């Protein structure tokens, strides 16, 4: 099994363990976390259909920036273009190109706040593609976390391409695989329920060229416009749109679900049931970093 080792440079502080573990995506296949080795791994499908395993570790302490070591296990030799593709995927997964300096400054300035934030923390794990992030997000709607894990597990097991010679090592299914499977298969075999229609339509729109997901990643697009456009996707309500915005590095919108309501009520409104407006007002001082302020806020 050919193995290649890459080193991805990190500018600014990075707490690798916090980045890997702070967001629930690490519990969803094809991600996996090895606590003994502090290693984040992923079975990854390349754009040409090849499947590799990526194993990521931090090479230097958070305060030094340092680099992320990436071990690539592959059944076939990799080309330079494969390596470039993998580097881009790793940088997106770990948000290595995002600048959190302003967020850290606010952490210092808003002294009364106490965030559960390790030095170099603040990054929240995401997938290598927006398509996967949207599918993950829709699998979190109107269901408990264990249900989300089961649905994603079945999606990967039923439709993901395997690593050669390792049937249990399966990548996340491509848009083409989801579109070809169709909503009825998804309902019957993955337990997606009503989400099957939404994911089937999303995948078909991508495959047929009716939906260009790269347009959502344009940095010059205003966040409010992006929010409205995301809401046009079937199955994407306010909660899902705010979550997807966070995955795109836009933290202005809070994803107000039952968990956030419960947290805010216990900590800030113990004697009343707060409105959405009241909850948003709590985190308003954080400006465009509101989502992260909530995410790392300390419990009451």
Protein backbone atom coordinates (compact mmCIF):
# COMPACT_ATOMS: atom_id res chain seq x y z
CA UNK A 1 0.00 0.00 0.00
CA UNK A 2 1.82 3.17 -1.16
CA UNK A 3 1.97 5.86 1.52
CA UNK A 4 2.73 9.56 1.06
CA UNK A 5 3.34 12.07 3.84
CA UNK A 6 2.49 15.75 3.31
CA UNK A 7 2.97 18.72 5.63
CA UNK A 8 0.38 21.51 5.38
CA UNK A 9 1.58 24.85 6.85
CA UNK A 10 -0.62 26.67 9.35
CA UNK A 11 -0.60 30.45 9.64
CA UNK A 12 -1.58 31.67 13.07
CA UNK A 13 -2.42 29.62 16.15
CA UNK A 14 -4.20 26.29 15.76
CA UNK A 15 -5.33 23.82 18.40
CA UNK A 16 -5.64 20.67 16.30
CA UNK A 17 -7.42 18.56 18.91
CA UNK A 18 -9.99 21.27 19.56
CA UNK A 19 -10.56 21.73 15.84
CA UNK A 20 -11.13 18.02 15.36
CA UNK A 21 -13.37 17.50 18.38
CA UNK A 22 -15.27 20.78 18.87
CA UNK A 23 -17.83 19.99 16.18
CA UNK A 24 -19.96 16.86 15.88
CA UNK A 25 -18.87 16.12 12.32
CA UNK A 26 -15.96 14.09 13.75
CA UNK A 27 -18.47 11.44 14.86
CA UNK A 28 -19.91 11.04 11.36
CA UNK A 29 -18.50 8.67 8.79
CA UNK A 30 -16.25 8.70 6.91
CA UNK A 31 -14.42 10.71 9.63
CA UNK A 32 -12.86 8.89 12.60
CA UNK A 33 -10.92 10.11 15.64
CA UNK A 34 -8.16 8.17 17.41
CA UNK A 35 -7.78 9.74 20.88
CA UNK A 36 -4.62 7.79 21.72
CA UNK A 37 -2.80 9.11 18.65
CA UNK A 38 -4.69 12.43 18.48
CA UNK A 39 -5.28 11.54 14.85
CA UNK A 40 -8.15 12.55 12.61
CA UNK A 41 -8.72 10.18 9.71
CA UNK A 42 -11.07 10.09 6.77
CA UNK A 43 -11.78 7.78 3.86
CA UNK A 44 -11.70 10.21 0.98
CA UNK A 45 -12.98 9.97 -2.57
CA UNK A 46 -10.87 11.76 -5.17
CA UNK A 47 -12.46 13.61 -8.06
CA UNK A 48 -11.45 10.84 -10.49
CA UNK A 49 -13.20 8.22 -8.34
CA UNK A 50 -10.15 6.84 -6.55
CA UNK A 51 -10.45 6.27 -2.80
CA UNK A 52 -7.68 6.96 -0.29
CA UNK A 53 -7.35 7.18 3.47
CA UNK A 54 -6.16 10.46 5.00
CA UNK A 55 -4.62 10.53 8.49
CA UNK A 56 -4.03 13.99 9.98
CA UNK A 57 -2.00 15.00 13.03
CA UNK A 58 -0.54 18.22 14.39
CA UNK A 59 3.24 18.54 14.06
CA UNK A 60 3.83 21.48 16.39
CA UNK A 61 2.18 23.20 19.37
CA UNK A 62 -0.84 25.45 18.83
CA UNK A 63 0.90 28.71 19.64
CA UNK A 64 3.54 28.09 16.97
CA UNK A 65 1.15 27.60 14.10
CA UNK A 66 3.38 24.83 12.77
CA UNK A 67 2.01 22.32 10.31
CA UNK A 68 -0.46 19.51 9.90
CA UNK A 69 1.01 16.18 8.91
CA UNK A 70 -1.09 14.23 6.42
CA UNK A 71 -0.41 10.54 5.81
CA UNK A 72 -2.11 9.31 2.63
CA UNK A 73 -2.72 5.59 2.26
CA UNK A 74 -3.48 4.66 -1.32
CA UNK A 75 -3.83 1.43 -3.25
CA UNK A 76 -2.43 3.12 -6.35
CA UNK A 77 0.37 5.66 -6.95
CA UNK A 78 -0.81 9.23 -6.61
CA UNK A 79 -0.12 11.95 -9.15
CA UNK A 80 0.87 15.56 -8.35
CA UNK A 81 -2.70 16.62 -9.18
CA UNK A 82 -4.01 14.14 -6.61
CA UNK A 83 -1.70 15.65 -4.00
CA UNK A 84 -2.92 19.16 -4.81
CA UNK A 85 -6.52 18.00 -4.50
CA UNK A 86 -5.82 16.38 -1.13
CA UNK A 87 -4.02 19.47 0.16
CA UNK A 88 -7.06 21.59 -0.74
CA UNK A 89 -9.37 19.11 0.99
CA UNK A 90 -7.31 19.13 4.20
CA UNK A 91 -7.15 22.90 4.25
CA UNK A 92 -10.93 23.11 3.91
CA UNK A 93 -11.63 20.40 6.50
CA UNK A 94 -9.47 22.15 9.13
CA UNK A 95 -10.17 25.73 7.94
CA UNK A 96 -6.44 26.40 7.68
CA UNK A 97 -6.97 29.50 5.55
CA UNK A 98 -9.49 31.23 7.82
CA UNK A 99 -8.32 34.21 9.85
CA UNK A 100 -9.60 34.24 13.44
CA UNK A 101 -7.57 37.23 14.67
CA UNK A 102 -10.65 39.46 15.04
CA UNK A 103 -12.49 36.76 17.00
CA UNK A 104 -9.54 36.39 19.38
CA UNK A 105 -9.46 40.17 19.87
CA UNK A 106 -13.13 40.16 20.81
CA UNK A 107 -12.45 37.36 23.28
CA UNK A 108 -9.97 39.68 25.01
CA UNK A 109 -12.17 42.78 24.78
CA UNK A 110 -15.43 41.24 26.02
CA UNK A 111 -13.95 40.49 29.42
CA UNK A 112 -17.15 39.37 31.23
CA UNK A 113 -17.50 36.48 28.79
CA UNK A 114 -15.89 33.15 29.58
CA UNK A 115 -15.58 30.90 26.55
CA UNK A 116 -14.46 27.26 26.55
CA UNK A 117 -11.75 28.15 24.09
CA UNK A 118 -8.29 26.63 24.08
CA UNK A 119 -5.47 28.80 22.67
CA UNK A 120 -5.73 28.40 18.93
CA UNK A 121 -9.31 27.12 19.15
CA UNK A 122 -12.35 28.46 17.33
CA UNK A 123 -12.23 26.38 14.18
CA UNK A 124 -15.10 23.94 13.67
CA UNK A 125 -14.49 20.85 11.57
CA UNK A 126 -16.19 20.65 8.21
CA UNK A 127 -16.25 18.37 5.15
CA UNK A 128 -14.02 18.74 2.09
CA UNK A 129 -17.04 19.72 -0.02
CA UNK A 130 -20.09 21.87 0.55
CA UNK A 131 -22.27 19.09 -0.84
CA UNK A 132 -21.27 16.80 2.03
CA UNK A 133 -21.75 19.59 4.57
CA UNK A 134 -25.29 20.22 3.34
CA UNK A 135 -26.14 16.50 3.46
CA UNK A 136 -24.75 16.24 7.00
CA UNK A 137 -26.74 19.32 8.02
CA UNK A 138 -30.03 18.01 6.65
CA UNK A 139 -29.38 14.80 8.57
CA UNK A 140 -29.37 16.84 11.81
CA UNK A 141 -32.84 18.34 11.34
CA UNK A 142 -35.74 17.17 13.53
CA UNK A 143 -33.82 14.21 14.96
CA UNK A 144 -31.55 13.43 17.91
CA UNK A 145 -27.80 13.10 17.43
CA UNK A 146 -27.76 9.29 17.58
CA UNK A 147 -30.27 9.28 14.73
CA UNK A 148 -28.02 11.55 12.67
CA UNK A 149 -25.08 9.20 13.21
CA UNK A 150 -27.14 6.20 12.10
CA UNK A 151 -28.42 7.91 8.94
CA UNK A 152 -24.96 9.02 7.83
CA UNK A 153 -23.56 5.57 8.65
CA UNK A 154 -26.15 3.95 6.38
CA UNK A 155 -25.57 6.47 3.59
CA UNK A 156 -21.86 5.74 3.59
CA UNK A 157 -22.27 1.97 3.94
CA UNK A 158 -24.90 1.67 1.21
CA UNK A 159 -23.62 4.16 -1.36
CA UNK A 160 -19.99 5.08 -0.58
CA UNK A 161 -17.16 3.79 -2.76
CA UNK A 162 -14.81 1.40 -0.88
CA UNK A 163 -11.06 1.61 -0.51
CA UNK A 164 -9.61 -1.21 -2.68
CA UNK A 165 -9.38 -4.38 -0.61
CA UNK A 166 -11.05 -2.80 2.44
CA UNK A 167 -14.83 -3.08 2.12
CA UNK A 168 -15.49 -1.36 5.45
CA UNK A 169 -13.43 1.70 4.44
CA UNK A 170 -15.98 3.67 2.47
CA UNK A 171 -15.93 7.26 1.28
CA UNK A 172 -18.88 9.63 1.43
CA UNK A 173 -21.19 8.99 -1.56
CA UNK A 174 -20.87 11.32 -4.51
CA UNK A 175 -23.78 13.44 -5.78
CA UNK A 176 -24.03 11.03 -8.72
CA UNK A 177 -24.41 8.04 -6.39
CA UNK A 178 -27.14 9.74 -4.37
CA UNK A 179 -28.97 10.90 -7.48
CA UNK A 180 -28.82 7.44 -9.07
CA UNK A 181 -30.10 5.79 -5.89
CA UNK A 182 -33.21 7.98 -5.83
CA UNK A 183 -35.53 9.00 -2.98
CA UNK A 184 -37.28 5.63 -2.62
CA UNK A 185 -34.01 3.76 -2.14
CA UNK A 186 -32.88 6.37 0.38
CA UNK A 187 -36.11 6.03 2.36
CA UNK A 188 -35.99 2.26 2.33
CA UNK A 189 -32.29 1.65 2.93
CA UNK A 190 -30.96 4.59 4.95
CA UNK A 191 -33.78 5.70 7.23
CA UNK A 192 -33.65 9.25 5.90
CA UNK A 193 -37.44 9.52 5.83
CA UNK A 194 -38.76 12.80 4.44
CA UNK A 195 -35.16 14.00 3.95
CA UNK A 196 -34.82 11.50 1.09
CA UNK A 197 -36.74 13.78 -1.27
CA UNK A 198 -34.60 16.79 -0.31
CA UNK A 199 -31.29 14.94 -0.70
CA UNK A 200 -32.40 13.31 -3.92
CA UNK A 201 -33.30 16.68 -5.39
CA UNK A 202 -30.07 18.28 -4.14
CA UNK A 203 -27.93 15.54 -5.68
CA UNK A 204 -29.84 15.56 -8.97
CA UNK A 205 -29.61 19.34 -9.25
CA UNK A 206 -25.83 19.19 -8.76
CA UNK A 207 -25.34 16.32 -11.23
CA UNK A 208 -27.55 17.91 -13.88
CA UNK A 209 -25.87 21.30 -13.53
CA UNK A 210 -28.99 23.05 -12.26
CA UNK A 211 -27.23 23.93 -9.00
CA UNK A 212 -23.68 25.29 -8.76
CA UNK A 213 -22.62 24.91 -5.15
CA UNK A 214 -19.39 26.83 -5.76
CA UNK A 215 -21.50 30.00 -6.09
CA UNK A 216 -22.29 29.74 -2.37
CA UNK A 217 -18.58 29.92 -1.55
CA UNK A 218 -17.93 33.25 -3.28
CA UNK A 219 -16.33 35.43 -0.57
CA UNK A 220 -17.67 38.65 -2.07
CA UNK A 221 -21.31 37.57 -1.77
CA UNK A 222 -23.10 39.36 1.12
CA UNK A 223 -24.11 37.02 3.94
CA UNK A 224 -27.77 38.09 3.88
CA UNK A 225 -28.01 37.32 0.17
CA UNK A 226 -26.32 33.99 0.75
CA UNK A 227 -28.77 33.21 3.54
CA UNK A 228 -31.73 33.91 1.23
CA UNK A 229 -30.25 31.73 -1.51
CA UNK A 230 -29.64 28.84 0.87
CA UNK A 231 -33.26 29.06 2.02
CA UNK A 232 -34.29 28.35 -1.58
CA UNK A 233 -32.83 24.83 -1.32
CA UNK A 234 -35.52 22.28 -0.50
CA UNK A 235 -35.37 21.25 3.14
CA UNK A 236 -33.19 24.18 4.23
CA UNK A 237 -34.96 26.27 6.86
CA UNK A 238 -33.54 28.93 9.16
CA UNK A 239 -31.67 26.45 11.37
CA UNK A 240 -30.10 24.59 8.44
CA UNK A 241 -29.23 27.84 6.63
CA UNK A 242 -27.45 29.23 9.71
CA UNK A 243 -25.55 25.96 10.13
CA UNK A 244 -24.47 25.94 6.49
CA UNK A 245 -23.40 29.59 6.78
CA UNK A 246 -21.20 28.60 9.73
CA UNK A 247 -19.67 25.83 7.62
CA UNK A 248 -18.94 28.45 4.97
CA UNK A 249 -17.14 30.63 7.54
CA UNK A 250 -20.06 33.04 8.00
CA UNK A 251 -20.83 33.27 11.73
CA UNK A 252 -23.38 36.12 11.80
CA UNK A 253 -26.47 33.91 12.12
CA UNK A 254 -27.38 31.78 15.11
CA UNK A 255 -28.84 28.35 14.34
CA UNK A 256 -31.68 28.58 16.85
CA UNK A 257 -32.84 25.05 17.60
CA UNK A 258 -34.14 23.34 20.74
CA UNK A 259 -30.59 22.90 22.07
CA UNK A 260 -29.75 26.59 21.78
CA UNK A 261 -33.10 27.59 23.30
CA UNK A 262 -32.50 25.27 26.24
CA UNK A 263 -28.94 26.54 26.77
CA UNK A 264 -29.91 30.22 26.60
CA UNK A 265 -32.91 29.72 28.89
CA UNK A 266 -30.86 27.99 31.59
CA UNK A 267 -28.00 30.48 31.48
CA UNK A 268 -29.57 33.84 30.62
CA UNK A 269 -33.34 33.55 31.12
CA UNK A 270 -33.95 31.17 34.05
CA UNK A 271 -37.28 32.78 34.96
CA UNK A 272 -38.85 33.08 31.51
CA UNK A 273 -39.09 31.55 28.06
CA UNK A 274 -37.01 33.80 25.80
CA UNK A 275 -37.99 34.84 22.31
CA UNK A 276 -35.65 34.38 19.35
CA UNK A 277 -35.02 38.13 19.41
CA UNK A 278 -33.95 37.99 23.06
CA UNK A 279 -31.57 35.11 22.41
CA UNK A 280 -30.02 36.92 19.46
CA UNK A 281 -29.60 40.04 21.59
CA UNK A 282 -27.50 38.09 24.08
CA UNK A 283 -24.87 37.33 21.45
CA UNK A 284 -25.19 40.60 19.49
CA UNK A 285 -21.98 42.09 21.00
CA UNK A 286 -20.02 39.47 19.07
CA UNK A 287 -21.09 40.89 15.70
CA UNK A 288 -20.13 38.58 12.86
CA UNK A 289 -18.73 36.01 15.31
CA UNK A 290 -22.02 35.27 17.12
CA UNK A 291 -22.19 31.61 16.18
CA UNK A 292 -18.75 30.90 17.65
CA UNK A 293 -19.56 32.89 20.80
CA UNK A 294 -22.56 30.63 21.40
CA UNK A 295 -20.74 27.47 20.41
CA UNK A 296 -17.95 28.01 22.93
CA UNK A 297 -20.06 29.71 25.61
CA UNK A 298 -19.76 28.19 29.07
CA UNK A 299 -22.86 26.60 30.66
CA UNK A 300 -24.59 28.27 33.58
